[in-house]
Each structure stands twice: as C-alpha cells, then as structure tokens.
C-alpha cells in the first residue's frame, strides 16, 4: 500500500519547503512594505515641519539647508 499519493518522503519534503518558503516570503514582504510606508511618511512630515519653520522665520537659510541635507540622505 502506498502512502502520500505515491510521491514518497521526497515529494512531501519538497511540498513542505515550498509552502514554508511562500509563507516566509509573504511575511518578509509585508514587514518590508509596512516599514517602508512608515519611513517615507515620517521623512515627509519632518521635511514639512522644516519648511514651516523656515517659512515662519524660526530658522535661517543656512540652518534650513543643513537640516534638508540630513533629511534627504
């Protein structure tokens, strides 16, 4: 009598590795996507705050450029 539909241990192992590979890849891409979205949003917010401070006269042009270079790096 054959168990596992005739694929044996190797077929089951390959199927299991394929399944877990897909699960791990999905988790990796989800975490990467979420962290990328959060990172870009905070940079945009920081740049907007910097522009607002420059526009209101809180900081001068030299300080604005110095902070802008740090944020864009």
PDB file of N, CA and C in Angstrom:
ATOM      1  N   UNK A   1       0.848  -1.176   0.000  1.00  0.00           N
ATOM      2  CA  UNK A   1       0.000   0.000   0.000  1.00  0.00           C
ATOM      3  C   UNK A   1       0.892   1.237   0.000  1.00  0.00           C
ATOM      4  N   UNK A   2       0.572   2.229  -0.830  1.00  0.00           N
ATOM      5  CA  UNK A   2       1.373   3.445  -0.934  1.00  0.00           C
ATOM      6  C   UNK A   2       0.718   4.576  -0.146  1.00  0.00           C
ATOM      7  N   UNK A   3       1.530   5.237   0.634  1.00  0.00           N
ATOM      8  CA  UNK A   3       1.056   6.379   1.399  1.00  0.00           C
ATOM      9  C   UNK A   3       1.528   7.657   0.726  1.00  0.00           C
ATOM     10  N   UNK A   4       0.766   8.733   0.832  1.00  0.00           N
ATOM     11  CA  UNK A   4       1.169  10.026   0.315  1.00  0.00           C
ATOM     12  C   UNK A   4       0.960  10.172  -1.183  1.00  0.00           C
ATOM     13  N   UNK A   5       0.128   9.376  -1.769  1.00  0.00           N
ATOM     14  CA  UNK A   5      -0.186   9.527  -3.183  1.00  0.00           C
ATOM     15  C   UNK A   5       0.933   9.085  -4.113  1.00  0.00           C
ATOM     16  N   UNK A   6       1.905   8.324  -3.620  1.00  0.00           N
ATOM     17  CA  UNK A   6       2.949   7.814  -4.474  1.00  0.00           C
ATOM     18  C   UNK A   6       4.154   8.724  -4.631  1.00  0.00           C
ATOM     19  N   UNK A   7       4.210   9.829  -3.914  1.00  0.00           N
ATOM     20  CA  UNK A   7       5.343  10.747  -4.033  1.00  0.00           C
ATOM     21  C   UNK A   7       6.461  10.429  -3.050  1.00  0.00           C
ATOM     22  N   UNK A   8       6.182   9.681  -2.024  1.00  0.00           N
ATOM     23  CA  UNK A   8       7.191   9.311  -1.050  1.00  0.00           C
ATOM     24  C   UNK A   8       7.597  10.466  -0.162  1.00  0.00           C
ATOM     25  N   UNK A   9       8.681  10.280   0.564  1.00  0.00           N
ATOM     26  CA  UNK A   9       9.141  11.305   1.506  1.00  0.00           C
ATOM     27  C   UNK A   9       9.671  12.536   0.789  1.00  0.00           C
ATOM     28  N   UNK A  10      10.320  12.364  -0.349  1.00  0.00           N
ATOM     29  CA  UNK A  10      10.908  13.496  -1.067  1.00  0.00           C
ATOM     30  C   UNK A  10       9.824  14.453  -1.566  1.00  0.00           C
ATOM     31  N   UNK A  11       8.748  13.928  -2.081  1.00  0.00           N
ATOM     32  CA  UNK A  11       7.653  14.769  -2.555  1.00  0.00           C
ATOM     33  C   UNK A  11       7.028  15.575  -1.436  1.00  0.00           C
ATOM     34  N   UNK A  12       6.844  14.933  -0.285  1.00  0.00           N
ATOM     35  CA  UNK A  12       6.294  15.641   0.869  1.00  0.00           C
ATOM     36  C   UNK A  12       7.240  16.711   1.377  1.00  0.00           C
ATOM     37  N   UNK A  13       8.524  16.423   1.370  1.00  0.00           N
ATOM     38  CA  UNK A  13       9.518  17.387   1.817  1.00  0.00           C
ATOM     39  C   UNK A  13       9.567  18.604   0.898  1.00  0.00           C
ATOM     40  N   UNK A  14       9.527  18.357  -0.394  1.00  0.00           N
ATOM     41  CA  UNK A  14       9.543  19.463  -1.359  1.00  0.00           C
ATOM     42  C   UNK A  14       8.293  20.319  -1.215  1.00  0.00           C
ATOM     43  N   UNK A  15       7.156  19.688  -1.045  1.00  0.00           N
ATOM     44  CA  UNK A  15       5.903  20.431  -0.865  1.00  0.00           C
ATOM     45  C   UNK A  15       5.950  21.267   0.410  1.00  0.00           C
ATOM     46  N   UNK A  16       6.466  20.693   1.495  1.00  0.00           N
ATOM     47  CA  UNK A  16       6.554  21.421   2.764  1.00  0.00           C
ATOM     48  C   UNK A  16       7.513  22.615   2.636  1.00  0.00           C
ATOM     49  N   UNK A  17       8.667  22.414   2.007  1.00  0.00           N
ATOM     50  CA  UNK A  17       9.620  23.509   1.820  1.00  0.00           C
ATOM     51  C   UNK A  17       9.027  24.616   0.947  1.00  0.00           C
ATOM     52  N   UNK A  18       8.311  24.245  -0.091  1.00  0.00           N
ATOM     53  CA  UNK A  18       7.663  25.219  -0.962  1.00  0.00           C
ATOM     54  C   UNK A  18       6.627  26.027  -0.187  1.00  0.00           C
ATOM     55  N   UNK A  19       5.803  25.353   0.611  1.00  0.00           N
ATOM     56  CA  UNK A  19       4.775  26.023   1.409  1.00  0.00           C
ATOM     57  C   UNK A  19       5.401  27.020   2.384  1.00  0.00           C
ATOM     58  N   UNK A  20       6.395  26.578   3.170  1.00  0.00           N
ATOM     59  CA  UNK A  20       7.005  27.451   4.156  1.00  0.00           C
ATOM     60  C   UNK A  20       7.812  28.557   3.496  1.00  0.00           C
ATOM     61  N   UNK A  21       8.367  28.308   2.337  1.00  0.00           N
ATOM     62  CA  UNK A  21       9.065  29.355   1.597  1.00  0.00           C
ATOM     63  C   UNK A  21       8.124  30.476   1.209  1.00  0.00           C
ATOM     64  N   UNK A  22       6.931  30.106   0.753  1.00  0.00           N
ATOM     65  CA  UNK A  22       5.930  31.113   0.388  1.00  0.00           C
ATOM     66  C   UNK A  22       5.479  31.893   1.619  1.00  0.00           C
ATOM     67  N   UNK A  23       5.236  31.204   2.728  1.00  0.00           N
ATOM     68  CA  UNK A  23       4.800  31.872   3.963  1.00  0.00           C
ATOM     69  C   UNK A  23       5.865  32.863   4.439  1.00  0.00           C
ATOM     70  N   UNK A  24       7.122  32.438   4.459  1.00  0.00           N
ATOM     71  CA  UNK A  24       8.202  33.311   4.913  1.00  0.00           C
ATOM     72  C   UNK A  24       8.366  34.502   3.969  1.00  0.00           C
ATOM     73  N   UNK A  25       8.260  34.272   2.663  1.00  0.00           N
ATOM     74  CA  UNK A  25       8.378  35.364   1.693  1.00  0.00           C
ATOM     75  C   UNK A  25       7.250  36.383   1.882  1.00  0.00           C
ATOM     76  N   UNK A  26       6.043  35.919   2.106  1.00  0.00           N
ATOM     77  CA  UNK A  26       4.913  36.832   2.320  1.00  0.00           C
ATOM     78  C   UNK A  26       5.110  37.670   3.584  1.00  0.00           C
ATOM     79  N   UNK A  27       5.587  37.037   4.650  1.00  0.00           N
ATOM     80  CA  UNK A  27       5.842  37.772   5.887  1.00  0.00           C
ATOM     81  C   UNK A  27       6.930  38.816   5.661  1.00  0.00           C
ATOM     82  N   UNK A  28       8.004  38.425   4.970  1.00  0.00           N
ATOM     83  CA  UNK A  28       9.107  39.342   4.694  1.00  0.00           C
ATOM     84  C   UNK A  28       8.627  40.560   3.900  1.00  0.00           C
ATOM     85  N   UNK A  29       7.868  40.322   2.829  1.00  0.00           N
ATOM     86  CA  UNK A  29       7.406  41.436   2.007  1.00  0.00           C
ATOM     87  C   UNK A  29       6.402  42.312   2.750  1.00  0.00           C
ATOM     88  N   UNK A  30       5.573  41.724   3.608  1.00  0.00           N
ATOM     89  CA  UNK A  30       4.623  42.522   4.388  1.00  0.00           C
ATOM     90  C   UNK A  30       5.348  43.433   5.368  1.00  0.00           C
ATOM     91  N   UNK A  31       6.347  42.900   6.063  1.00  0.00           N
ATOM     92  CA  UNK A  31       7.114  43.710   7.024  1.00  0.00           C
ATOM     93  C   UNK A  31       7.886  44.797   6.286  1.00  0.00           C
ATOM     94  N   UNK A  32       8.491  44.452   5.170  1.00  0.00           N
ATOM     95  CA  UNK A  32       9.250  45.411   4.382  1.00  0.00           C
ATOM     96  C   UNK A  32       8.341  46.529   3.864  1.00  0.00           C
ATOM     97  N   UNK A  33       7.165  46.180   3.401  1.00  0.00           N
ATOM     98  CA  UNK A  33       6.208  47.160   2.885  1.00  0.00           C
ATOM     99  C   UNK A  33       5.743  48.103   3.994  1.00  0.00           C
ATOM    100  N   UNK A  34       5.449  47.529   5.164  1.00  0.00           N
ATOM    101  CA  UNK A  34       4.978  48.362   6.270  1.00  0.00           C
ATOM    102  C   UNK A  34       6.067  49.305   6.764  1.00  0.00           C
ATOM    103  N   UNK A  35       7.288  48.827   6.891  1.00  0.00           N
ATOM    104  CA  UNK A  35       8.353  49.692   7.374  1.00  0.00           C
ATOM    105  C   UNK A  35       8.698  50.760   6.345  1.00  0.00           C
ATOM    106  N   UNK A  36       8.580  50.444   5.064  1.00  0.00           N
ATOM    107  CA  UNK A  36       8.843  51.426   4.018  1.00  0.00           C
ATOM    108  C   UNK A  36       7.796  52.531   4.038  1.00  0.00           C
ATOM    109  N   UNK A  37       6.554  52.174   4.247  1.00  0.00           N
ATOM    110  CA  UNK A  37       5.485  53.174   4.303  1.00  0.00           C
ATOM    111  C   UNK A  37       5.672  54.095   5.494  1.00  0.00           C
ATOM    112  N   UNK A  38       6.048  53.549   6.638  1.00  0.00           N
ATOM    113  CA  UNK A  38       6.234  54.368   7.827  1.00  0.00           C
ATOM    114  C   UNK A  38       7.446  55.273   7.676  1.00  0.00           C
ATOM    115  N   UNK A  39       8.511  54.773   7.071  1.00  0.00           N
ATOM    116  CA  UNK A  39       9.722  55.556   6.901  1.00  0.00           C
ATOM    117  C   UNK A  39       9.509  56.754   6.000  1.00  0.00           C
ATOM    118  N   UNK A  40       8.822  56.558   4.877  1.00  0.00           N
ATOM    119  CA  UNK A  40       8.587  57.668   3.957  1.00  0.00           C
ATOM    120  C   UNK A  40       7.668  58.708   4.569  1.00  0.00           C
ATOM    121  N   UNK A  41       6.674  58.279   5.317  1.00  0.00           N
ATOM    122  CA  UNK A  41       5.749  59.225   5.917  1.00  0.00           C
ATOM    123  C   UNK A  41       6.428  60.125   6.928  1.00  0.00           C
ATOM    124  N   UNK A  42       7.313  59.569   7.740  1.00  0.00           N
ATOM    125  CA  UNK A  42       7.976  60.390   8.748  1.00  0.00           C
ATOM    126  C   UNK A  42       8.962  61.352   8.104  1.00  0.00           C
ATOM    127  N   UNK A  43       9.607  60.961   7.005  1.00  0.00           N
ATOM    128  CA  UNK A  43      10.512  61.888   6.315  1.00  0.00           C
ATOM    129  C   UNK A  43       9.731  63.043   5.714  1.00  0.00           C
ATOM    130  N   UNK A  44       8.592  62.756   5.137  1.00  0.00           N
ATOM    131  CA  UNK A  44       7.782  63.828   4.569  1.00  0.00           C
ATOM    132  C   UNK A  44       7.306  64.758   5.664  1.00  0.00           C
ATOM    133  N   UNK A  45       6.908  64.203   6.784  1.00  0.00           N
ATOM    134  CA  UNK A  45       6.458  65.038   7.888  1.00  0.00           C
ATOM    135  C   UNK A  45       7.594  65.918   8.390  1.00  0.00           C
ATOM    136  N   UNK A  46       8.777  65.357   8.525  1.00  0.00           N
ATOM    137  CA  UNK A  46       9.919  66.138   9.008  1.00  0.00           C
ATOM    138  C   UNK A  46      10.265  67.253   8.024  1.00  0.00           C
ATOM    139  N   UNK A  47      10.204  66.954   6.734  1.00  0.00           N
ATOM    140  CA  UNK A  47      10.506  67.975   5.728  1.00  0.00           C
ATOM    141  C   UNK A  47       9.452  69.074   5.751  1.00  0.00           C
ATOM    142  N   UNK A  48       8.201  68.717   5.929  1.00  0.00           N
ATOM    143  CA  UNK A  48       7.140  69.732   6.020  1.00  0.00           C
ATOM    144  C   UNK A  48       7.330  70.618   7.243  1.00  0.00           C
ATOM    145  N   UNK A  49       7.699  70.012   8.361  1.00  0.00           N
ATOM    146  CA  UNK A  49       7.945  70.797   9.575  1.00  0.00           C
ATOM    147  C   UNK A  49       9.114  71.744   9.356  1.00  0.00           C
ATOM    148  N   UNK A  50      10.168  71.242   8.703  1.00  0.00           N
ATOM    149  CA  UNK A  50      11.329  72.082   8.415  1.00  0.00           C
ATOM    150  C   UNK A  50      10.949  73.261   7.530  1.00  0.00           C
ATOM    151  N   UNK A  51      10.156  73.005   6.500  1.00  0.00           N
ATOM    152  CA  UNK A  51       9.713  74.090   5.611  1.00  0.00           C
ATOM    153  C   UNK A  51       8.862  75.113   6.357  1.00  0.00           C
ATOM    154  N   UNK A  52       7.993  74.624   7.237  1.00  0.00           N
ATOM    155  CA  UNK A  52       7.153  75.535   8.009  1.00  0.00           C
ATOM    156  C   UNK A  52       7.995  76.407   8.940  1.00  0.00           C
ATOM    157  N   UNK A  53       9.010  75.807   9.562  1.00  0.00           N
ATOM    158  CA  UNK A  53       9.880  76.583  10.445  1.00  0.00           C
ATOM    159  C   UNK A  53      10.655  77.629   9.664  1.00  0.00           C
ATOM    160  N   UNK A  54      11.095  77.281   8.466  1.00  0.00           N
ATOM    161  CA  UNK A  54      11.817  78.242   7.627  1.00  0.00           C
ATOM    162  C   UNK A  54      10.889  79.359   7.171  1.00  0.00           C
ATOM    163  N   UNK A  55       9.669  78.988   6.778  1.00  0.00           N
ATOM    164  CA  UNK A  55       8.709  79.988   6.300  1.00  0.00           C
ATOM    165  C   UNK A  55       8.297  80.948   7.410  1.00  0.00           C
ATOM    166  N   UNK A  56       8.218  80.450   8.634  1.00  0.00           N
ATOM    167  CA  UNK A  56       7.805  81.327   9.729  1.00  0.00           C
ATOM    168  C   UNK A  56       8.955  82.154  10.293  1.00  0.00           C
ATOM    169  N   UNK A  57      10.180  81.873   9.834  1.00  0.00           N
ATOM    170  CA  UNK A  57      11.329  82.653  10.280  1.00  0.00           C
ATOM    171  C   UNK A  57      12.016  82.112  11.519  1.00  0.00           C
ATOM    172  N   UNK A  58      11.647  80.926  11.963  1.00  0.00           N
ATOM    173  CA  UNK A  58      12.291  80.335  13.136  1.00  0.00           C
ATOM    174  C   UNK A  58      13.745  79.972  12.863  1.00  0.00           C
ATOM    175  N   UNK A  59      14.035  79.556  11.631  1.00  0.00           N
ATOM    176  CA  UNK A  59      15.402  79.177  11.272  1.00  0.00           C
ATOM    177  C   UNK A  59      15.812  79.962  10.026  1.00  0.00           C
ATOM    178  N   UNK A  60      17.106  80.152   9.859  1.00  0.00           N
ATOM    179  CA  UNK A  60      17.590  80.873   8.683  1.00  0.00           C
ATOM    180  C   UNK A  60      17.887  79.888   7.546  1.00  0.00           C
ATOM    181  N   UNK A  61      18.301  80.446   6.400  1.00  0.00           N
ATOM    182  CA  UNK A  61      18.517  79.622   5.212  1.00  0.00           C
ATOM    183  C   UNK A  61      19.641  78.606   5.411  1.00  0.00           C
ATOM    184  N   UNK A  62      20.692  79.005   6.097  1.00  0.00           N
ATOM    185  CA  UNK A  62      21.827  78.099   6.330  1.00  0.00           C
ATOM    186  C   UNK A  62      21.406  76.878   7.145  1.00  0.00           C
ATOM    187  N   UNK A  63      20.647  77.117   8.199  1.00  0.00           N
ATOM    188  CA  UNK A  63      20.177  76.017   9.040  1.00  0.00           C
ATOM    189  C   UNK A  63      19.183  75.142   8.274  1.00  0.00           C
ATOM    190  N   UNK A  64      18.316  75.776   7.481  1.00  0.00           N
ATOM    191  CA  UNK A  64      17.371  75.021   6.662  1.00  0.00           C
ATOM    192  C   UNK A  64      18.103  74.073   5.720  1.00  0.00           C
ATOM    193  N   UNK A  65      19.124  74.556   5.014  1.00  0.00           N
ATOM    194  CA  UNK A  65      19.876  73.730   4.067  1.00  0.00           C
ATOM    195  C   UNK A  65      20.600  72.592   4.779  1.00  0.00           C
ATOM    196  N   UNK A  66      21.160  72.883   5.936  1.00  0.00           N
ATOM    197  CA  UNK A  66      21.877  71.852   6.701  1.00  0.00           C
ATOM    198  C   UNK A  66      20.924  70.717   7.102  1.00  0.00           C
ATOM    199  N   UNK A  67      19.760  71.065   7.613  1.00  0.00           N
ATOM    200  CA  UNK A  67      18.771  70.056   8.017  1.00  0.00           C
ATOM    201  C   UNK A  67      18.193  69.331   6.807  1.00  0.00           C
ATOM    202  N   UNK A  68      17.987  70.044   5.708  1.00  0.00           N
ATOM    203  CA  UNK A  68      17.443  69.418   4.495  1.00  0.00           C
ATOM    204  C   UNK A  68      18.384  68.344   3.982  1.00  0.00           C
ATOM    205  N   UNK A  69      19.682  68.621   3.968  1.00  0.00           N
ATOM    206  CA  UNK A  69      20.666  67.641   3.506  1.00  0.00           C
ATOM    207  C   UNK A  69      20.647  66.385   4.378  1.00  0.00           C
ATOM    208  N   UNK A  70      20.485  66.570   5.675  1.00  0.00           N
ATOM    209  CA  UNK A  70      20.427  65.418   6.589  1.00  0.00           C
ATOM    210  C   UNK A  70      19.182  64.590   6.306  1.00  0.00           C
ATOM    211  N   UNK A  71      18.048  65.244   6.091  1.00  0.00           N
ATOM    212  CA  UNK A  71      16.805  64.507   5.852  1.00  0.00           C
ATOM    213  C   UNK A  71      16.798  63.793   4.511  1.00  0.00           C
ATOM    214  N   UNK A  72      17.453  64.354   3.510  1.00  0.00           N
ATOM    215  CA  UNK A  72      17.454  63.740   2.188  1.00  0.00           C
ATOM    216  C   UNK A  72      18.484  62.626   2.062  1.00  0.00           C
ATOM    217  N   UNK A  73      19.389  62.526   3.012  1.00  0.00           N
ATOM    218  CA  UNK A  73      20.430  61.486   2.949  1.00  0.00           C
ATOM    219  C   UNK A  73      19.884  60.123   3.295  1.00  0.00           C
TER     220      UNK A  73
END
